Amino acid sequence: MDYVNAFWVGGLICALCQILMEKTKMQPGRIMVLLVCSGAVLGAIGVYPPFVEFAGAGASVPLLGFGNTLFKGIKEAVDTNGFIGIFMGGFTATAVGISAALVFAYLASLIFEPKMRK
Protein backbone atom coordinates (compact mmCIF):
# COMPACT_ATOMS: atom_id res chain seq x y z
CA MET A 1 0.00 0.00 0.00
CA ASP A 2 3.00 2.31 0.53
CA TYR A 3 3.71 2.30 -3.20
CA VAL A 4 0.09 3.07 -4.05
CA ASN A 5 -0.02 6.01 -1.63
CA ALA A 6 3.29 7.34 -2.95
CA PHE A 7 2.03 7.04 -6.53
CA TRP A 8 -1.29 8.81 -6.10
CA VAL A 9 0.04 11.55 -3.79
CA GLY A 10 2.99 12.32 -6.09
CA GLY A 11 0.66 12.25 -9.09
CA LEU A 12 -1.78 14.58 -7.36
CA ILE A 13 0.99 17.07 -6.59
CA CYS A 14 2.12 16.98 -10.22
CA ALA A 15 -1.45 17.31 -11.49
CA LEU A 16 -2.09 20.33 -9.25
CA CYS A 17 1.08 21.97 -10.53
CA GLN A 18 0.04 21.31 -14.12
CA ILE A 19 -3.38 22.83 -13.46
CA LEU A 20 -1.66 25.83 -11.87
CA MET A 21 0.49 26.26 -14.98
CA GLU A 22 -2.47 25.96 -17.36
CA LYS A 23 -4.99 28.12 -15.52
CA THR A 24 -2.79 30.91 -14.17
CA LYS A 25 -0.10 31.11 -16.87
CA MET A 26 2.52 31.09 -14.09
CA GLN A 27 6.03 30.36 -15.28
CA PRO A 28 7.55 27.02 -14.16
CA GLY A 29 10.26 28.78 -12.16
CA ARG A 30 7.70 30.61 -10.05
CA ILE A 31 5.78 27.40 -9.45
CA MET A 32 9.00 25.71 -8.33
CA VAL A 33 9.67 28.53 -5.85
CA LEU A 34 6.06 28.31 -4.65
CA LEU A 35 6.45 24.57 -4.05
CA VAL A 36 9.72 24.89 -2.13
CA CYS A 37 8.37 27.72 0.03
CA SER A 38 5.12 25.83 0.63
CA GLY A 39 7.03 22.75 1.74
CA ALA A 40 9.07 24.84 4.17
CA VAL A 41 5.97 26.54 5.59
CA LEU A 42 4.05 23.26 5.89
CA GLY A 43 7.05 21.75 7.67
CA ALA A 44 7.27 24.73 10.02
CA ILE A 45 3.65 24.44 11.11
CA GLY A 46 3.98 20.66 11.54
CA VAL A 47 1.67 19.52 8.74
CA TYR A 48 4.24 18.06 6.37
CA PRO A 49 5.94 15.34 8.52
CA PRO A 50 2.72 13.30 9.00
CA PHE A 51 2.01 13.78 5.29
CA VAL A 52 5.46 12.34 4.43
CA GLU A 53 4.87 9.44 6.80
CA PHE A 54 1.62 8.64 4.98
CA ALA A 55 2.78 9.18 1.39
CA GLY A 56 6.48 8.31 1.63
CA ALA A 57 8.38 9.15 -1.54
CA GLY A 58 5.23 10.64 -3.09
CA ALA A 59 5.59 13.54 -0.68
CA SER A 60 9.32 13.63 0.00
CA VAL A 61 10.62 13.52 -3.60
CA PRO A 62 8.73 16.49 -5.16
CA LEU A 63 9.84 20.05 -4.52
CA LEU A 64 7.52 20.27 -1.52
CA GLY A 65 9.77 17.69 0.12
CA PHE A 66 12.86 19.71 -0.79
CA GLY A 67 11.42 22.75 0.98
CA ASN A 68 10.60 20.62 4.00
CA THR A 69 14.16 19.25 4.03
CA LEU A 70 15.54 22.79 3.89
CA PHE A 71 13.38 23.77 6.85
CA LYS A 72 14.41 20.73 8.90
CA GLY A 73 18.10 21.35 8.17
CA ILE A 74 17.86 25.00 9.15
CA LYS A 75 15.90 24.17 12.31
CA GLU A 76 18.48 21.58 13.42
CA ALA A 77 21.41 23.91 12.63
CA VAL A 78 19.82 26.80 14.55
CA ASP A 79 19.24 24.52 17.54
CA THR A 80 22.88 23.38 17.39
CA ASN A 81 24.80 26.49 16.26
CA GLY A 82 22.50 29.41 16.98
CA PHE A 83 21.99 32.26 14.53
CA ILE A 84 24.67 31.11 12.09
CA GLY A 85 22.61 27.94 11.56
CA ILE A 86 20.19 29.97 9.44
CA PHE A 87 22.87 30.26 6.80
CA MET A 88 24.43 26.79 6.99
CA GLY A 89 21.52 24.46 7.78
CA GLY A 90 19.98 24.38 4.33
CA PHE A 91 23.32 23.61 2.70
CA THR A 92 24.17 20.72 4.98
CA ALA A 93 20.69 19.18 4.76
CA THR A 94 20.48 19.21 0.97
CA ALA A 95 24.11 18.86 -0.12
CA VAL A 96 23.92 15.16 -0.98
CA GLY A 97 20.76 15.52 -3.07
CA ILE A 98 22.06 18.52 -4.98
CA SER A 99 25.43 16.87 -5.57
CA ALA A 100 23.76 13.70 -6.86
CA ALA A 101 21.58 15.73 -9.23
CA LEU A 102 24.64 17.49 -10.64
CA VAL A 103 26.62 14.26 -11.09
CA PHE A 104 23.76 12.39 -12.74
CA ALA A 105 22.94 15.35 -14.99
CA TYR A 106 26.57 15.46 -16.11
CA LEU A 107 26.60 11.72 -16.79
CA ALA A 108 23.36 11.99 -18.75
CA SER A 109 24.84 14.82 -20.82
CA LEU A 110 27.79 12.57 -21.71
CA ILE A 111 25.52 9.74 -22.80
CA PHE A 112 22.77 11.61 -24.67
CA GLU A 113 24.58 14.57 -26.29
CA PRO A 114 22.40 17.54 -25.36
CA LYS A 115 21.47 19.98 -28.09
CA MET A 116 21.42 23.73 -27.62
CA ARG A 117 18.15 25.49 -28.42
CA LYS A 118 18.22 28.41 -30.80
C-alpha atoms as a PDB file:
ATOM      1  CA  MET A   1       0.000   0.000   0.000  1.00  0.00           C
ATOM      2  CA  ASP A   2       2.998   2.308   0.526  1.00  0.00           C
ATOM      3  CA  TYR A   3       3.708   2.302  -3.203  1.00  0.00           C
ATOM      4  CA  VAL A   4       0.086   3.074  -4.054  1.00  0.00           C
ATOM      5  CA  ASN A   5      -0.016   6.009  -1.631  1.00  0.00           C
ATOM      6  CA  ALA A   6       3.287   7.341  -2.953  1.00  0.00           C
ATOM      7  CA  PHE A   7       2.032   7.045  -6.528  1.00  0.00           C
ATOM      8  CA  TRP A   8      -1.286   8.814  -6.101  1.00  0.00           C
ATOM      9  CA  VAL A   9       0.039  11.550  -3.792  1.00  0.00           C
ATOM     10  CA  GLY A  10       2.987  12.322  -6.089  1.00  0.00           C
ATOM     11  CA  GLY A  11       0.661  12.254  -9.089  1.00  0.00           C
ATOM     12  CA  LEU A  12      -1.784  14.581  -7.362  1.00  0.00           C
ATOM     13  CA  ILE A  13       0.992  17.075  -6.589  1.00  0.00           C
ATOM     14  CA  CYS A  14       2.120  16.979 -10.218  1.00  0.00           C
ATOM     15  CA  ALA A  15      -1.450  17.312 -11.491  1.00  0.00           C
ATOM     16  CA  LEU A  16      -2.090  20.328  -9.253  1.00  0.00           C
ATOM     17  CA  CYS A  17       1.084  21.967 -10.528  1.00  0.00           C
ATOM     18  CA  GLN A  18       0.040  21.309 -14.122  1.00  0.00           C
ATOM     19  CA  ILE A  19      -3.384  22.833 -13.460  1.00  0.00           C
ATOM     20  CA  LEU A  20      -1.659  25.827 -11.873  1.00  0.00           C
ATOM     21  CA  MET A  21       0.487  26.257 -14.984  1.00  0.00           C
ATOM     22  CA  GLU A  22      -2.468  25.960 -17.361  1.00  0.00           C
ATOM     23  CA  LYS A  23      -4.992  28.120 -15.518  1.00  0.00           C
ATOM     24  CA  THR A  24      -2.793  30.908 -14.170  1.00  0.00           C
ATOM     25  CA  LYS A  25      -0.098  31.105 -16.871  1.00  0.00           C
ATOM     26  CA  MET A  26       2.523  31.091 -14.092  1.00  0.00           C
ATOM     27  CA  GLN A  27       6.032  30.356 -15.279  1.00  0.00           C
ATOM     28  CA  PRO A  28       7.549  27.018 -14.163  1.00  0.00           C
ATOM     29  CA  GLY A  29      10.265  28.777 -12.159  1.00  0.00           C
ATOM     30  CA  ARG A  30       7.703  30.610 -10.054  1.00  0.00           C
ATOM     31  CA  ILE A  31       5.778  27.403  -9.445  1.00  0.00           C
ATOM     32  CA  MET A  32       8.999  25.713  -8.332  1.00  0.00           C
ATOM     33  CA  VAL A  33       9.672  28.525  -5.852  1.00  0.00           C
ATOM     34  CA  LEU A  34       6.064  28.308  -4.652  1.00  0.00           C
ATOM     35  CA  LEU A  35       6.446  24.567  -4.045  1.00  0.00           C
ATOM     36  CA  VAL A  36       9.725  24.894  -2.135  1.00  0.00           C
ATOM     37  CA  CYS A  37       8.368  27.718   0.028  1.00  0.00           C
ATOM     38  CA  SER A  38       5.116  25.830   0.629  1.00  0.00           C
ATOM     39  CA  GLY A  39       7.035  22.749   1.740  1.00  0.00           C
ATOM     40  CA  ALA A  40       9.067  24.840   4.170  1.00  0.00           C
ATOM     41  CA  VAL A  41       5.967  26.544   5.593  1.00  0.00           C
ATOM     42  CA  LEU A  42       4.054  23.258   5.892  1.00  0.00           C
ATOM     43  CA  GLY A  43       7.049  21.751   7.672  1.00  0.00           C
ATOM     44  CA  ALA A  44       7.268  24.730  10.019  1.00  0.00           C
ATOM     45  CA  ILE A  45       3.645  24.435  11.112  1.00  0.00           C
ATOM     46  CA  GLY A  46       3.983  20.658  11.537  1.00  0.00           C
ATOM     47  CA  VAL A  47       1.671  19.523   8.742  1.00  0.00           C
ATOM     48  CA  TYR A  48       4.239  18.062   6.374  1.00  0.00           C
ATOM     49  CA  PRO A  49       5.937  15.341   8.524  1.00  0.00           C
ATOM     50  CA  PRO A  50       2.720  13.300   9.005  1.00  0.00           C
ATOM     51  CA  PHE A  51       2.013  13.779   5.289  1.00  0.00           C
ATOM     52  CA  VAL A  52       5.461  12.343   4.433  1.00  0.00           C
ATOM     53  CA  GLU A  53       4.871   9.438   6.800  1.00  0.00           C
ATOM     54  CA  PHE A  54       1.618   8.639   4.985  1.00  0.00           C
ATOM     55  CA  ALA A  55       2.777   9.181   1.393  1.00  0.00           C
ATOM     56  CA  GLY A  56       6.477   8.307   1.633  1.00  0.00           C
ATOM     57  CA  ALA A  57       8.377   9.155  -1.535  1.00  0.00           C
ATOM     58  CA  GLY A  58       5.233  10.643  -3.087  1.00  0.00           C
ATOM     59  CA  ALA A  59       5.587  13.542  -0.675  1.00  0.00           C
ATOM     60  CA  SER A  60       9.323  13.634  -0.001  1.00  0.00           C
ATOM     61  CA  VAL A  61      10.616  13.522  -3.601  1.00  0.00           C
ATOM     62  CA  PRO A  62       8.727  16.487  -5.157  1.00  0.00           C
ATOM     63  CA  LEU A  63       9.838  20.048  -4.517  1.00  0.00           C
ATOM     64  CA  LEU A  64       7.521  20.273  -1.519  1.00  0.00           C
ATOM     65  CA  GLY A  65       9.767  17.693   0.118  1.00  0.00           C
ATOM     66  CA  PHE A  66      12.861  19.714  -0.791  1.00  0.00           C
ATOM     67  CA  GLY A  67      11.417  22.750   0.981  1.00  0.00           C
ATOM     68  CA  ASN A  68      10.596  20.616   4.004  1.00  0.00           C
ATOM     69  CA  THR A  69      14.164  19.249   4.030  1.00  0.00           C
ATOM     70  CA  LEU A  70      15.536  22.795   3.891  1.00  0.00           C
ATOM     71  CA  PHE A  71      13.382  23.775   6.848  1.00  0.00           C
ATOM     72  CA  LYS A  72      14.408  20.726   8.900  1.00  0.00           C
ATOM     73  CA  GLY A  73      18.095  21.349   8.173  1.00  0.00           C
ATOM     74  CA  ILE A  74      17.864  25.000   9.148  1.00  0.00           C
ATOM     75  CA  LYS A  75      15.904  24.173  12.306  1.00  0.00           C
ATOM     76  CA  GLU A  76      18.482  21.585  13.416  1.00  0.00           C
ATOM     77  CA  ALA A  77      21.406  23.912  12.628  1.00  0.00           C
ATOM     78  CA  VAL A  78      19.822  26.800  14.548  1.00  0.00           C
ATOM     79  CA  ASP A  79      19.237  24.519  17.541  1.00  0.00           C
ATOM     80  CA  THR A  80      22.875  23.385  17.391  1.00  0.00           C
ATOM     81  CA  ASN A  81      24.799  26.488  16.261  1.00  0.00           C
ATOM     82  CA  GLY A  82      22.499  29.407  16.983  1.00  0.00           C
ATOM     83  CA  PHE A  83      21.986  32.263  14.533  1.00  0.00           C
ATOM     84  CA  ILE A  84      24.672  31.111  12.088  1.00  0.00           C
ATOM     85  CA  GLY A  85      22.611  27.937  11.558  1.00  0.00           C
ATOM     86  CA  ILE A  86      20.186  29.969   9.444  1.00  0.00           C
ATOM     87  CA  PHE A  87      22.871  30.256   6.801  1.00  0.00           C
ATOM     88  CA  MET A  88      24.430  26.786   6.995  1.00  0.00           C
ATOM     89  CA  GLY A  89      21.521  24.459   7.780  1.00  0.00           C
ATOM     90  CA  GLY A  90      19.983  24.375   4.333  1.00  0.00           C
ATOM     91  CA  PHE A  91      23.319  23.606   2.696  1.00  0.00           C
ATOM     92  CA  THR A  92      24.174  20.718   4.975  1.00  0.00           C
ATOM     93  CA  ALA A  93      20.689  19.182   4.759  1.00  0.00           C
ATOM     94  CA  THR A  94      20.485  19.210   0.968  1.00  0.00           C
ATOM     95  CA  ALA A  95      24.110  18.863  -0.120  1.00  0.00           C
ATOM     96  CA  VAL A  96      23.919  15.161  -0.977  1.00  0.00           C
ATOM     97  CA  GLY A  97      20.761  15.522  -3.075  1.00  0.00           C
ATOM     98  CA  ILE A  98      22.055  18.524  -4.984  1.00  0.00           C
ATOM     99  CA  SER A  99      25.430  16.865  -5.571  1.00  0.00           C
ATOM    100  CA  ALA A 100      23.757  13.702  -6.856  1.00  0.00           C
ATOM    101  CA  ALA A 101      21.582  15.729  -9.225  1.00  0.00           C
ATOM    102  CA  LEU A 102      24.644  17.490 -10.636  1.00  0.00           C
ATOM    103  CA  VAL A 103      26.619  14.264 -11.087  1.00  0.00           C
ATOM    104  CA  PHE A 104      23.758  12.390 -12.741  1.00  0.00           C
ATOM    105  CA  ALA A 105      22.940  15.353 -14.993  1.00  0.00           C
ATOM    106  CA  TYR A 106      26.572  15.458 -16.109  1.00  0.00           C
ATOM    107  CA  LEU A 107      26.604  11.717 -16.787  1.00  0.00           C
ATOM    108  CA  ALA A 108      23.357  11.993 -18.747  1.00  0.00           C
ATOM    109  CA  SER A 109      24.839  14.816 -20.824  1.00  0.00           C
ATOM    110  CA  LEU A 110      27.791  12.565 -21.708  1.00  0.00           C
ATOM    111  CA  ILE A 111      25.516   9.741 -22.804  1.00  0.00           C
ATOM    112  CA  PHE A 112      22.773  11.610 -24.665  1.00  0.00           C
ATOM    113  CA  GLU A 113      24.585  14.569 -26.287  1.00  0.00           C
ATOM    114  CA  PRO A 114      22.405  17.543 -25.355  1.00  0.00           C
ATOM    115  CA  LYS A 115      21.475  19.980 -28.094  1.00  0.00           C
ATOM    116  CA  MET A 116      21.417  23.731 -27.622  1.00  0.00           C
ATOM    117  CA  ARG A 117      18.150  25.493 -28.421  1.00  0.00           C
ATOM    118  CA  LYS A 118      18.220  28.412 -30.801  1.00  0.00           C
END
